[in-house]
């Protein structure tokens, strides 16, 4: 605990930079978490079944 308090004391003159770094860190984490969610939304869940069915029908019609 003493080490953390000492770090806070050393960081006091750089308070603005520490706040900006914390906000930037939270923003990057948020964008990294929201990226896969955005991609997942328009993607149908049964896409692989649909593609498999289409290739099966094409091969059955070709024979």
N, C-alpha and C. Protein backbone atom coordinates (compact mmCIF):
# COMPACT_ATOMS: atom_id res chain seq x y z
N UNK A 1 0.82 -1.19 0.00
CA UNK A 1 0.00 0.00 0.00
C UNK A 1 0.87 1.25 0.00
N UNK A 2 1.99 1.18 0.72
CA UNK A 2 2.88 2.34 0.76
C UNK A 2 3.43 2.68 -0.61
N UNK A 3 3.73 1.64 -1.39
CA UNK A 3 4.28 1.87 -2.73
C UNK A 3 3.28 2.58 -3.62
N UNK A 4 2.00 2.20 -3.51
CA UNK A 4 0.96 2.85 -4.32
C UNK A 4 0.82 4.32 -3.94
N UNK A 5 0.87 4.62 -2.66
CA UNK A 5 0.78 6.02 -2.23
C UNK A 5 1.99 6.82 -2.70
N UNK A 6 3.15 6.18 -2.71
CA UNK A 6 4.35 6.85 -3.20
C UNK A 6 4.22 7.15 -4.69
N UNK A 7 3.66 6.21 -5.45
CA UNK A 7 3.44 6.44 -6.88
C UNK A 7 2.47 7.59 -7.13
N UNK A 8 1.44 7.67 -6.31
CA UNK A 8 0.47 8.76 -6.44
C UNK A 8 1.16 10.09 -6.15
N UNK A 9 2.01 10.10 -5.18
CA UNK A 9 2.72 11.33 -4.84
C UNK A 9 3.65 11.76 -5.98
N UNK A 10 4.32 10.79 -6.61
CA UNK A 10 5.21 11.11 -7.73
C UNK A 10 4.41 11.55 -8.96
N UNK A 11 3.22 11.05 -9.13
CA UNK A 11 2.41 11.34 -10.32
C UNK A 11 1.62 12.65 -10.19
N UNK A 12 1.60 13.25 -9.02
CA UNK A 12 0.80 14.46 -8.81
C UNK A 12 1.09 15.57 -9.83
N UNK A 13 2.35 15.86 -10.14
CA UNK A 13 2.60 16.92 -11.12
C UNK A 13 2.10 16.55 -12.53
N UNK A 14 1.91 15.28 -12.77
CA UNK A 14 1.49 14.81 -14.09
C UNK A 14 0.03 14.38 -14.08
N UNK A 15 -0.75 14.98 -13.22
CA UNK A 15 -2.15 14.59 -13.03
C UNK A 15 -2.94 14.59 -14.34
N UNK A 16 -2.78 15.63 -15.14
CA UNK A 16 -3.52 15.72 -16.40
C UNK A 16 -3.16 14.56 -17.34
N UNK A 17 -1.87 14.26 -17.41
CA UNK A 17 -1.43 13.18 -18.29
C UNK A 17 -1.95 11.82 -17.83
N UNK A 18 -1.98 11.63 -16.52
CA UNK A 18 -2.48 10.37 -15.98
C UNK A 18 -3.98 10.23 -16.27
N UNK A 19 -4.72 11.31 -16.16
CA UNK A 19 -6.15 11.26 -16.45
C UNK A 19 -6.38 10.98 -17.93
N UNK A 20 -5.63 11.67 -18.80
CA UNK A 20 -5.76 11.43 -20.25
C UNK A 20 -5.39 10.00 -20.58
N UNK A 21 -4.34 9.47 -19.97
CA UNK A 21 -3.94 8.09 -20.22
C UNK A 21 -5.01 7.11 -19.76
N UNK A 22 -5.64 7.38 -18.62
CA UNK A 22 -6.70 6.50 -18.13
C UNK A 22 -7.92 6.52 -19.04
N UNK A 23 -8.30 7.71 -19.51
CA UNK A 23 -9.44 7.82 -20.42
C UNK A 23 -9.11 7.13 -21.75
N UNK A 24 -7.90 7.33 -22.24
CA UNK A 24 -7.49 6.68 -23.49
C UNK A 24 -7.50 5.17 -23.34
N UNK A 25 -7.01 4.69 -22.22
CA UNK A 25 -7.00 3.25 -21.97
C UNK A 25 -8.41 2.69 -21.94
N UNK A 26 -9.32 3.37 -21.28
CA UNK A 26 -10.71 2.92 -21.23
C UNK A 26 -11.34 2.96 -22.62
N UNK A 27 -11.01 3.97 -23.42
CA UNK A 27 -11.54 4.07 -24.77
C UNK A 27 -11.05 2.94 -25.67
N UNK A 28 -9.77 2.64 -25.59
CA UNK A 28 -9.21 1.55 -26.41
C UNK A 28 -9.82 0.22 -26.01
N UNK A 29 -9.96 -0.01 -24.72
CA UNK A 29 -10.57 -1.26 -24.25
C UNK A 29 -12.01 -1.35 -24.73
N UNK A 30 -12.74 -0.25 -24.64
CA UNK A 30 -14.13 -0.25 -25.09
C UNK A 30 -14.24 -0.51 -26.58
N UNK A 31 -13.39 0.11 -27.39
CA UNK A 31 -13.44 -0.11 -28.83
C UNK A 31 -13.03 -1.54 -29.19
N UNK A 32 -12.09 -2.11 -28.46
CA UNK A 32 -11.71 -3.50 -28.72
C UNK A 32 -12.84 -4.46 -28.37
N UNK A 33 -13.62 -4.13 -27.37
CA UNK A 33 -14.73 -5.00 -26.99
C UNK A 33 -15.94 -4.83 -27.90
N UNK A 34 -16.13 -3.64 -28.45
CA UNK A 34 -17.32 -3.39 -29.25
C UNK A 34 -17.14 -3.86 -30.71
N UNK A 35 -15.90 -3.98 -31.17
CA UNK A 35 -15.64 -4.40 -32.55
C UNK A 35 -16.28 -5.74 -32.91
N UNK A 36 -16.00 -6.80 -32.18
CA UNK A 36 -16.63 -8.09 -32.50
C UNK A 36 -18.16 -8.05 -32.37
N UNK A 37 -18.68 -7.24 -31.46
CA UNK A 37 -20.12 -7.14 -31.30
C UNK A 37 -20.75 -6.52 -32.54
N UNK A 38 -20.09 -5.50 -33.12
CA UNK A 38 -20.61 -4.86 -34.32
C UNK A 38 -20.59 -5.84 -35.49
N UNK A 39 -19.54 -6.60 -35.63
CA UNK A 39 -19.43 -7.56 -36.73
C UNK A 39 -20.45 -8.68 -36.56
N UNK A 40 -20.71 -9.10 -35.34
CA UNK A 40 -21.61 -10.22 -35.09
C UNK A 40 -23.06 -9.86 -35.39
N UNK A 41 -23.47 -8.62 -35.22
CA UNK A 41 -24.86 -8.23 -35.36
C UNK A 41 -25.46 -8.54 -36.73
N UNK A 42 -24.85 -8.14 -37.85
CA UNK A 42 -25.51 -8.41 -39.13
C UNK A 42 -25.28 -9.83 -39.65
N UNK A 43 -24.44 -10.61 -39.00
CA UNK A 43 -24.13 -11.95 -39.47
C UNK A 43 -25.20 -12.93 -38.99
N UNK A 44 -25.86 -13.62 -39.92
CA UNK A 44 -26.85 -14.61 -39.50
C UNK A 44 -26.18 -15.79 -38.79
N UNK A 45 -26.86 -16.33 -37.82
CA UNK A 45 -26.27 -17.41 -37.02
C UNK A 45 -26.24 -18.72 -37.78
N UNK A 46 -27.16 -18.92 -38.72
CA UNK A 46 -27.19 -20.20 -39.44
C UNK A 46 -26.57 -20.07 -40.83
N UNK A 47 -25.59 -19.21 -40.98
CA UNK A 47 -24.95 -18.99 -42.27
C UNK A 47 -24.23 -20.24 -42.75
N UNK A 48 -23.57 -20.95 -41.86
CA UNK A 48 -22.84 -22.13 -42.28
C UNK A 48 -23.80 -23.22 -42.75
N UNK A 49 -24.94 -23.37 -42.10
CA UNK A 49 -25.92 -24.37 -42.54
C UNK A 49 -26.48 -24.01 -43.91
N UNK A 50 -26.71 -22.73 -44.14
CA UNK A 50 -27.26 -22.29 -45.41
C UNK A 50 -26.26 -22.53 -46.54
N UNK A 51 -24.99 -22.23 -46.31
CA UNK A 51 -23.97 -22.45 -47.34
C UNK A 51 -23.81 -23.93 -47.62
N UNK A 52 -23.86 -24.75 -46.59
CA UNK A 52 -23.72 -26.19 -46.77
C UNK A 52 -24.89 -26.73 -47.59
N UNK A 53 -26.08 -26.26 -47.31
CA UNK A 53 -27.27 -26.70 -48.03
C UNK A 53 -27.18 -26.30 -49.50
N UNK A 54 -26.69 -25.09 -49.79
CA UNK A 54 -26.57 -24.61 -51.16
C UNK A 54 -25.57 -25.44 -51.95
N UNK A 55 -24.44 -25.78 -51.36
CA UNK A 55 -23.46 -26.59 -52.08
C UNK A 55 -23.98 -28.00 -52.27
N UNK A 56 -24.74 -28.51 -51.32
CA UNK A 56 -25.31 -29.86 -51.46
C UNK A 56 -26.32 -29.89 -52.60
N UNK A 57 -27.16 -28.85 -52.69
CA UNK A 57 -28.16 -28.79 -53.76
C UNK A 57 -27.49 -28.64 -55.12
N UNK A 58 -26.43 -27.85 -55.23
CA UNK A 58 -25.74 -27.67 -56.50
C UNK A 58 -25.13 -28.98 -56.96
N UNK A 59 -24.52 -29.72 -56.05
CA UNK A 59 -23.89 -30.96 -56.44
C UNK A 59 -24.95 -32.02 -56.80
N UNK A 60 -26.11 -31.99 -56.17
CA UNK A 60 -27.17 -32.94 -56.49
C UNK A 60 -27.78 -32.63 -57.86
N UNK A 61 -27.90 -31.36 -58.21
CA UNK A 61 -28.45 -30.97 -59.50
C UNK A 61 -27.47 -31.24 -60.63
N UNK A 62 -26.18 -31.22 -60.35
CA UNK A 62 -25.16 -31.44 -61.39
C UNK A 62 -25.12 -32.91 -61.81
N UNK A 63 -25.52 -33.81 -60.96
CA UNK A 63 -25.42 -35.24 -61.25
C UNK A 63 -26.52 -35.75 -62.09
